[in-house]
């Protein structure tokens, strides 16, 4: 099953602040890893949402422009989101 809807990113393309919106994962450990096109991890964070609609912000202004992939993993779900950095 595709659980892509549980995690979304805005804005896309992104310039400075990437917002990751995670649904229905209250109280679960969420891991988010941002990798560049060559698969190198440039950002990693784990957090536990206190609400069912959680927004986590990542500062990405220092990252070079290009294509990135944000892999979001919880105990029960996983999604990989394509992110374009301007």
PDB file of N, CA and C in Angstrom:
ATOM      1  N   UNK A   1       0.843  -1.206   0.000  1.00  0.00           N
ATOM      2  CA  UNK A   1       0.000   0.000   0.000  1.00  0.00           C
ATOM      3  C   UNK A   1       0.871   1.246   0.000  1.00  0.00           C
ATOM      4  N   UNK A   2       0.399   2.263  -0.652  1.00  0.00           N
ATOM      5  CA  UNK A   2       1.127   3.521  -0.717  1.00  0.00           C
ATOM      6  C   UNK A   2       0.645   4.430   0.396  1.00  0.00           C
ATOM      7  N   UNK A   3       1.533   4.692   1.341  1.00  0.00           N
ATOM      8  CA  UNK A   3       1.184   5.562   2.451  1.00  0.00           C
ATOM      9  C   UNK A   3       1.655   6.985   2.202  1.00  0.00           C
ATOM     10  N   UNK A   4       1.898   7.325   0.929  1.00  0.00           N
ATOM     11  CA  UNK A   4       2.436   8.627   0.597  1.00  0.00           C
ATOM     12  C   UNK A   4       1.649   9.790   1.158  1.00  0.00           C
ATOM     13  N   UNK A   5       0.334   9.594   1.342  1.00  0.00           N
ATOM     14  CA  UNK A   5      -0.504  10.701   1.792  1.00  0.00           C
ATOM     15  C   UNK A   5      -0.252  11.089   3.247  1.00  0.00           C
ATOM     16  N   UNK A   6       0.390  10.209   4.019  1.00  0.00           N
ATOM     17  CA  UNK A   6       0.594  10.543   5.431  1.00  0.00           C
ATOM     18  C   UNK A   6       1.686  11.589   5.604  1.00  0.00           C
ATOM     19  N   UNK A   7       2.531  11.758   4.586  1.00  0.00           N
ATOM     20  CA  UNK A   7       3.600  12.751   4.664  1.00  0.00           C
ATOM     21  C   UNK A   7       3.605  13.607   3.405  1.00  0.00           C
ATOM     22  N   UNK A   8       3.624  14.919   3.595  1.00  0.00           N
ATOM     23  CA  UNK A   8       3.678  15.835   2.462  1.00  0.00           C
ATOM     24  C   UNK A   8       4.682  16.939   2.761  1.00  0.00           C
ATOM     25  N   UNK A   9       5.261  17.510   1.697  1.00  0.00           N
ATOM     26  CA  UNK A   9       6.193  18.619   1.878  1.00  0.00           C
ATOM     27  C   UNK A   9       5.699  19.861   1.153  1.00  0.00           C
ATOM     28  N   UNK A  10       5.932  20.989   1.782  1.00  0.00           N
ATOM     29  CA  UNK A  10       5.599  22.294   1.220  1.00  0.00           C
ATOM     30  C   UNK A  10       6.703  23.266   1.599  1.00  0.00           C
ATOM     31  N   UNK A  11       6.997  24.272   0.862  1.00  0.00           N
ATOM     32  CA  UNK A  11       6.645  24.374  -0.564  1.00  0.00           C
ATOM     33  C   UNK A  11       7.566  23.472  -1.378  1.00  0.00           C
ATOM     34  N   UNK A  12       7.195  23.218  -2.596  1.00  0.00           N
ATOM     35  CA  UNK A  12       8.026  22.407  -3.470  1.00  0.00           C
ATOM     36  C   UNK A  12       7.875  22.932  -4.889  1.00  0.00           C
ATOM     37  N   UNK A  13       8.886  23.564  -5.475  1.00  0.00           N
ATOM     38  CA  UNK A  13      10.270  23.738  -5.021  1.00  0.00           C
ATOM     39  C   UNK A  13      10.400  24.591  -3.758  1.00  0.00           C
ATOM     40  N   UNK A  14      11.465  24.336  -3.010  1.00  0.00           N
ATOM     41  CA  UNK A  14      11.711  25.021  -1.750  1.00  0.00           C
ATOM     42  C   UNK A  14      12.943  25.914  -1.881  1.00  0.00           C
ATOM     43  N   UNK A  15      12.947  27.020  -1.127  1.00  0.00           N
ATOM     44  CA  UNK A  15      14.102  27.909  -1.132  1.00  0.00           C
ATOM     45  C   UNK A  15      14.799  27.916   0.223  1.00  0.00           C
ATOM     46  N   UNK A  16      14.065  28.232   1.289  1.00  0.00           N
ATOM     47  CA  UNK A  16      14.673  28.368   2.617  1.00  0.00           C
ATOM     48  C   UNK A  16      14.167  27.367   3.647  1.00  0.00           C
ATOM     49  N   UNK A  17      12.853  27.333   3.832  1.00  0.00           N
ATOM     50  CA  UNK A  17      12.264  26.498   4.876  1.00  0.00           C
ATOM     51  C   UNK A  17      11.402  25.413   4.243  1.00  0.00           C
ATOM     52  N   UNK A  18      11.776  24.169   4.508  1.00  0.00           N
ATOM     53  CA  UNK A  18      10.997  23.030   4.041  1.00  0.00           C
ATOM     54  C   UNK A  18      10.094  22.582   5.180  1.00  0.00           C
ATOM     55  N   UNK A  19       8.801  22.522   4.916  1.00  0.00           N
ATOM     56  CA  UNK A  19       7.856  22.071   5.941  1.00  0.00           C
ATOM     57  C   UNK A  19       7.386  20.665   5.613  1.00  0.00           C
ATOM     58  N   UNK A  20       7.605  19.778   6.556  1.00  0.00           N
ATOM     59  CA  UNK A  20       7.144  18.402   6.420  1.00  0.00           C
ATOM     60  C   UNK A  20       5.897  18.245   7.270  1.00  0.00           C
ATOM     61  N   UNK A  21       4.809  17.866   6.625  1.00  0.00           N
ATOM     62  CA  UNK A  21       3.553  17.662   7.335  1.00  0.00           C
ATOM     63  C   UNK A  21       3.327  16.161   7.475  1.00  0.00           C
ATOM     64  N   UNK A  22       3.178  15.709   8.720  1.00  0.00           N
ATOM     65  CA  UNK A  22       2.991  14.285   8.996  1.00  0.00           C
ATOM     66  C   UNK A  22       1.623  14.096   9.633  1.00  0.00           C
ATOM     67  N   UNK A  23       0.814  13.231   9.035  1.00  0.00           N
ATOM     68  CA  UNK A  23      -0.543  12.988   9.515  1.00  0.00           C
ATOM     69  C   UNK A  23      -0.631  11.672  10.285  1.00  0.00           C
ATOM     70  N   UNK A  24      -1.515  11.638  11.263  1.00  0.00           N
ATOM     71  CA  UNK A  24      -1.883  10.397  11.963  1.00  0.00           C
ATOM     72  C   UNK A  24      -0.690   9.626  12.522  1.00  0.00           C
ATOM     73  N   UNK A  25       0.293  10.333  13.048  1.00  0.00           N
ATOM     74  CA  UNK A  25       1.457   9.649  13.620  1.00  0.00           C
ATOM     75  C   UNK A  25       1.722  10.135  15.034  1.00  0.00           C
ATOM     76  N   UNK A  26       0.667  10.587  15.704  1.00  0.00           N
ATOM     77  CA  UNK A  26       0.792  11.110  17.062  1.00  0.00           C
ATOM     78  C   UNK A  26       1.420  10.079  17.994  1.00  0.00           C
ATOM     79  N   UNK A  27       2.456  10.505  18.726  1.00  0.00           N
ATOM     80  CA  UNK A  27       3.093   9.633  19.696  1.00  0.00           C
ATOM     81  C   UNK A  27       4.033   8.591  19.117  1.00  0.00           C
ATOM     82  N   UNK A  28       4.187   8.576  17.798  1.00  0.00           N
ATOM     83  CA  UNK A  28       5.092   7.616  17.163  1.00  0.00           C
ATOM     84  C   UNK A  28       6.400   8.300  16.809  1.00  0.00           C
ATOM     85  N   UNK A  29       7.485   7.556  16.911  1.00  0.00           N
ATOM     86  CA  UNK A  29       8.766   8.084  16.486  1.00  0.00           C
ATOM     87  C   UNK A  29       8.783   8.222  14.967  1.00  0.00           C
ATOM     88  N   UNK A  30       9.081   9.419  14.490  1.00  0.00           N
ATOM     89  CA  UNK A  30       9.176   9.667  13.057  1.00  0.00           C
ATOM     90  C   UNK A  30      10.629   9.984  12.724  1.00  0.00           C
ATOM     91  N   UNK A  31      11.149   9.329  11.702  1.00  0.00           N
ATOM     92  CA  UNK A  31      12.496   9.632  11.235  1.00  0.00           C
ATOM     93  C   UNK A  31      12.397  10.257   9.859  1.00  0.00           C
ATOM     94  N   UNK A  32      13.121  11.353   9.680  1.00  0.00           N
ATOM     95  CA  UNK A  32      13.140  12.025   8.387  1.00  0.00           C
ATOM     96  C   UNK A  32      14.590  12.167   7.947  1.00  0.00           C
ATOM     97  N   UNK A  33      14.884  11.707   6.750  1.00  0.00           N
ATOM     98  CA  UNK A  33      16.237  11.799   6.213  1.00  0.00           C
ATOM     99  C   UNK A  33      16.178  12.406   4.822  1.00  0.00           C
ATOM    100  N   UNK A  34      16.943  13.471   4.632  1.00  0.00           N
ATOM    101  CA  UNK A  34      17.004  14.125   3.325  1.00  0.00           C
ATOM    102  C   UNK A  34      18.305  13.724   2.649  1.00  0.00           C
ATOM    103  N   UNK A  35      18.185  13.147   1.452  1.00  0.00           N
ATOM    104  CA  UNK A  35      19.378  12.763   0.704  1.00  0.00           C
ATOM    105  C   UNK A  35      19.410  13.510  -0.618  1.00  0.00           C
ATOM    106  N   UNK A  36      20.626  13.746  -1.124  1.00  0.00           N
ATOM    107  CA  UNK A  36      20.736  14.406  -2.423  1.00  0.00           C
ATOM    108  C   UNK A  36      20.636  13.362  -3.530  1.00  0.00           C
ATOM    109  N   UNK A  37      20.747  13.818  -4.781  1.00  0.00           N
ATOM    110  CA  UNK A  37      20.540  12.927  -5.925  1.00  0.00           C
ATOM    111  C   UNK A  37      21.524  11.760  -5.945  1.00  0.00           C
ATOM    112  N   UNK A  38      22.704  11.942  -5.350  1.00  0.00           N
ATOM    113  CA  UNK A  38      23.691  10.857  -5.345  1.00  0.00           C
ATOM    114  C   UNK A  38      23.531   9.941  -4.135  1.00  0.00           C
ATOM    115  N   UNK A  39      22.498  10.194  -3.321  1.00  0.00           N
ATOM    116  CA  UNK A  39      22.216   9.319  -2.193  1.00  0.00           C
ATOM    117  C   UNK A  39      22.925   9.698  -0.902  1.00  0.00           C
ATOM    118  N   UNK A  40      23.615  10.833  -0.904  1.00  0.00           N
ATOM    119  CA  UNK A  40      24.319  11.277   0.296  1.00  0.00           C
ATOM    120  C   UNK A  40      23.334  11.955   1.239  1.00  0.00           C
ATOM    121  N   UNK A  41      23.351  11.547   2.505  1.00  0.00           N
ATOM    122  CA  UNK A  41      22.423  12.134   3.474  1.00  0.00           C
ATOM    123  C   UNK A  41      22.910  13.521   3.893  1.00  0.00           C
ATOM    124  N   UNK A  42      22.042  14.510   3.727  1.00  0.00           N
ATOM    125  CA  UNK A  42      22.432  15.887   4.051  1.00  0.00           C
ATOM    126  C   UNK A  42      21.726  16.400   5.301  1.00  0.00           C
ATOM    127  N   UNK A  43      20.692  15.712   5.716  1.00  0.00           N
ATOM    128  CA  UNK A  43      19.909  16.168   6.857  1.00  0.00           C
ATOM    129  C   UNK A  43      19.205  14.965   7.462  1.00  0.00           C
ATOM    130  N   UNK A  44      19.185  14.907   8.788  1.00  0.00           N
ATOM    131  CA  UNK A  44      18.494  13.794   9.442  1.00  0.00           C
ATOM    132  C   UNK A  44      17.873  14.314  10.728  1.00  0.00           C
ATOM    133  N   UNK A  45      16.658  13.908  10.967  1.00  0.00           N
ATOM    134  CA  UNK A  45      16.015  14.325  12.211  1.00  0.00           C
ATOM    135  C   UNK A  45      15.028  13.267  12.643  1.00  0.00           C
ATOM    136  N   UNK A  46      14.882  13.105  13.953  1.00  0.00           N
ATOM    137  CA  UNK A  46      13.786  12.280  14.440  1.00  0.00           C
ATOM    138  C   UNK A  46      12.993  13.069  15.462  1.00  0.00           C
ATOM    139  N   UNK A  47      11.696  12.848  15.444  1.00  0.00           N
ATOM    140  CA  UNK A  47      10.806  13.600  16.325  1.00  0.00           C
ATOM    141  C   UNK A  47       9.572  12.764  16.612  1.00  0.00           C
ATOM    142  N   UNK A  48       8.859  13.144  17.655  1.00  0.00           N
ATOM    143  CA  UNK A  48       7.616  12.458  18.023  1.00  0.00           C
ATOM    144  C   UNK A  48       6.492  13.483  18.008  1.00  0.00           C
ATOM    145  N   UNK A  49       5.608  13.430  17.004  1.00  0.00           N
ATOM    146  CA  UNK A  49       4.507  14.388  16.918  1.00  0.00           C
ATOM    147  C   UNK A  49       3.593  14.309  18.137  1.00  0.00           C
ATOM    148  N   UNK A  50       3.188  15.468  18.625  1.00  0.00           N
ATOM    149  CA  UNK A  50       2.250  15.516  19.750  1.00  0.00           C
ATOM    150  C   UNK A  50       0.818  15.681  19.274  1.00  0.00           C
ATOM    151  N   UNK A  51       0.655  15.894  17.974  1.00  0.00           N
ATOM    152  CA  UNK A  51      -0.684  16.023  17.397  1.00  0.00           C
ATOM    153  C   UNK A  51      -0.764  15.135  16.160  1.00  0.00           C
ATOM    154  N   UNK A  52      -1.978  14.914  15.668  1.00  0.00           N
ATOM    155  CA  UNK A  52      -2.157  14.081  14.485  1.00  0.00           C
ATOM    156  C   UNK A  52      -1.850  14.809  13.187  1.00  0.00           C
ATOM    157  N   UNK A  53      -1.734  16.130  13.264  1.00  0.00           N
ATOM    158  CA  UNK A  53      -1.306  16.882  12.090  1.00  0.00           C
ATOM    159  C   UNK A  53      -0.101  17.702  12.506  1.00  0.00           C
ATOM    160  N   UNK A  54       1.072  17.113  12.353  1.00  0.00           N
ATOM    161  CA  UNK A  54       2.302  17.735  12.841  1.00  0.00           C
ATOM    162  C   UNK A  54       3.065  18.364  11.684  1.00  0.00           C
ATOM    163  N   UNK A  55       3.624  19.556  11.928  1.00  0.00           N
ATOM    164  CA  UNK A  55       4.481  20.182  10.927  1.00  0.00           C
ATOM    165  C   UNK A  55       5.874  20.361  11.493  1.00  0.00           C
ATOM    166  N   UNK A  56       6.843  19.808  10.800  1.00  0.00           N
ATOM    167  CA  UNK A  56       8.242  19.913  11.201  1.00  0.00           C
ATOM    168  C   UNK A  56       8.943  20.785  10.159  1.00  0.00           C
ATOM    169  N   UNK A  57       9.745  21.739  10.618  1.00  0.00           N
ATOM    170  CA  UNK A  57      10.419  22.641   9.682  1.00  0.00           C
ATOM    171  C   UNK A  57      11.911  22.347   9.606  1.00  0.00           C
ATOM    172  N   UNK A  58      12.414  22.375   8.393  1.00  0.00           N
ATOM    173  CA  UNK A  58      13.838  22.159   8.141  1.00  0.00           C
ATOM    174  C   UNK A  58      14.400  23.380   7.416  1.00  0.00           C
ATOM    175  N   UNK A  59      15.497  23.908   7.910  1.00  0.00           N
ATOM    176  CA  UNK A  59      16.165  25.002   7.209  1.00  0.00           C
ATOM    177  C   UNK A  59      17.068  24.431   6.136  1.00  0.00           C
ATOM    178  N   UNK A  60      16.773  24.762   4.888  1.00  0.00           N
ATOM    179  CA  UNK A  60      17.536  24.183   3.780  1.00  0.00           C
ATOM    180  C   UNK A  60      18.223  25.238   2.920  1.00  0.00           C
ATOM    181  N   UNK A  61      18.274  26.476   3.419  1.00  0.00           N
ATOM    182  CA  UNK A  61      18.828  27.559   2.602  1.00  0.00           C
ATOM    183  C   UNK A  61      20.295  27.328   2.238  1.00  0.00           C
ATOM    184  N   UNK A  62      21.035  26.584   3.073  1.00  0.00           N
ATOM    185  CA  UNK A  62      22.459  26.347   2.817  1.00  0.00           C
ATOM    186  C   UNK A  62      22.702  25.258   1.768  1.00  0.00           C
ATOM    187  N   UNK A  63      21.679  24.470   1.473  1.00  0.00           N
ATOM    188  CA  UNK A  63      21.871  23.357   0.545  1.00  0.00           C
ATOM    189  C   UNK A  63      21.983  23.849  -0.887  1.00  0.00           C
ATOM    190  N   UNK A  64      22.837  23.201  -1.689  1.00  0.00           N
ATOM    191  CA  UNK A  64      22.915  23.553  -3.110  1.00  0.00           C
ATOM    192  C   UNK A  64      21.603  23.227  -3.832  1.00  0.00           C
ATOM    193  N   UNK A  65      21.330  23.961  -4.904  1.00  0.00           N
ATOM    194  CA  UNK A  65      20.128  23.695  -5.698  1.00  0.00           C
ATOM    195  C   UNK A  65      20.197  22.299  -6.291  1.00  0.00           C
ATOM    196  N   UNK A  66      19.029  21.726  -6.503  1.00  0.00           N
ATOM    197  CA  UNK A  66      18.986  20.409  -7.129  1.00  0.00           C
ATOM    198  C   UNK A  66      17.844  19.567  -6.602  1.00  0.00           C
ATOM    199  N   UNK A  67      17.926  18.284  -6.924  1.00  0.00           N
ATOM    200  CA  UNK A  67      16.894  17.327  -6.561  1.00  0.00           C
ATOM    201  C   UNK A  67      17.288  16.598  -5.284  1.00  0.00           C
ATOM    202  N   UNK A  68      16.328  16.462  -4.376  1.00  0.00           N
ATOM    203  CA  UNK A  68      16.565  15.749  -3.121  1.00  0.00           C
ATOM    204  C   UNK A  68      15.424  14.770  -2.878  1.00  0.00           C
ATOM    205  N   UNK A  69      15.665  13.839  -1.992  1.00  0.00           N
ATOM    206  CA  UNK A  69      14.625  12.894  -1.606  1.00  0.00           C
ATOM    207  C   UNK A  69      14.507  12.898  -0.093  1.00  0.00           C
ATOM    208  N   UNK A  70      13.289  13.079   0.386  1.00  0.00           N
ATOM    209  CA  UNK A  70      13.032  13.068   1.820  1.00  0.00           C
ATOM    210  C   UNK A  70      12.340  11.755   2.160  1.00  0.00           C
ATOM    211  N   UNK A  71      13.044  10.924   2.918  1.00  0.00           N
ATOM    212  CA  UNK A  71      12.483   9.632   3.320  1.00  0.00           C
ATOM    213  C   UNK A  71      11.931   9.778   4.726  1.00  0.00           C
ATOM    214  N   UNK A  72      10.644   9.504   4.864  1.00  0.00           N
ATOM    215  CA  UNK A  72       9.962   9.645   6.145  1.00  0.00           C
ATOM    216  C   UNK A  72       9.522   8.255   6.598  1.00  0.00           C
ATOM    217  N   UNK A  73       9.921   7.882   7.804  1.00  0.00           N
ATOM    218  CA  UNK A  73       9.642   6.541   8.300  1.00  0.00           C
ATOM    219  C   UNK A  73       9.036   6.602   9.693  1.00  0.00           C
ATOM    220  N   UNK A  74       7.944   5.866   9.913  1.00  0.00           N
ATOM    221  CA  UNK A  74       7.402   5.674  11.259  1.00  0.00           C
ATOM    222  C   UNK A  74       7.395   4.170  11.525  1.00  0.00           C
ATOM    223  N   UNK A  75       6.851   3.776  12.668  1.00  0.00           N
ATOM    224  CA  UNK A  75       6.798   2.348  12.997  1.00  0.00           C
ATOM    225  C   UNK A  75       5.981   1.567  11.973  1.00  0.00           C
ATOM    226  N   UNK A  76       4.991   2.215  11.375  1.00  0.00           N
ATOM    227  CA  UNK A  76       4.068   1.489  10.506  1.00  0.00           C
ATOM    228  C   UNK A  76       4.054   1.964   9.061  1.00  0.00           C
ATOM    229  N   UNK A  77       4.641   3.127   8.793  1.00  0.00           N
ATOM    230  CA  UNK A  77       4.534   3.690   7.445  1.00  0.00           C
ATOM    231  C   UNK A  77       5.876   4.185   6.943  1.00  0.00           C
ATOM    232  N   UNK A  78       5.944   4.333   5.621  1.00  0.00           N
ATOM    233  CA  UNK A  78       7.149   4.871   5.017  1.00  0.00           C
ATOM    234  C   UNK A  78       6.777   5.600   3.736  1.00  0.00           C
ATOM    235  N   UNK A  79       7.422   6.724   3.500  1.00  0.00           N
ATOM    236  CA  UNK A  79       7.188   7.465   2.270  1.00  0.00           C
ATOM    237  C   UNK A  79       8.489   8.122   1.843  1.00  0.00           C
ATOM    238  N   UNK A  80       8.699   8.210   0.534  1.00  0.00           N
ATOM    239  CA  UNK A  80       9.839   8.951   0.011  1.00  0.00           C
ATOM    240  C   UNK A  80       9.297  10.057  -0.877  1.00  0.00           C
ATOM    241  N   UNK A  81       9.621  11.291  -0.517  1.00  0.00           N
ATOM    242  CA  UNK A  81       9.086  12.448  -1.221  1.00  0.00           C
ATOM    243  C   UNK A  81      10.189  13.125  -2.013  1.00  0.00           C
ATOM    244  N   UNK A  82       9.865  13.478  -3.247  1.00  0.00           N
ATOM    245  CA  UNK A  82      10.829  14.171  -4.085  1.00  0.00           C
ATOM    246  C   UNK A  82      10.760  15.665  -3.775  1.00  0.00           C
ATOM    247  N   UNK A  83      11.915  16.267  -3.545  1.00  0.00           N
ATOM    248  CA  UNK A  83      11.970  17.684  -3.197  1.00  0.00           C
ATOM    249  C   UNK A  83      12.924  18.390  -4.148  1.00  0.00           C
ATOM    250  N   UNK A  84      12.489  19.519  -4.699  1.00  0.00           N
ATOM    251  CA  UNK A  84      13.359  20.319  -5.557  1.00  0.00           C
ATOM    252  C   UNK A  84      13.802  21.552  -4.788  1.00  0.00           C
ATOM    253  N   UNK A  85      15.121  21.740  -4.693  1.00  0.00           N
ATOM    254  CA  UNK A  85      15.677  22.911  -4.002  1.00  0.00           C
ATOM    255  C   UNK A  85      16.074  23.940  -5.043  1.00  0.00           C
ATOM    256  N   UNK A  86      15.545  25.165  -4.890  1.00  0.00           N
ATOM    257  CA  UNK A  86      15.884  26.248  -5.821  1.00  0.00           C
ATOM    258  C   UNK A  86      17.175  26.894  -5.417  1.00  0.00           C
TER     259      UNK A  86
END
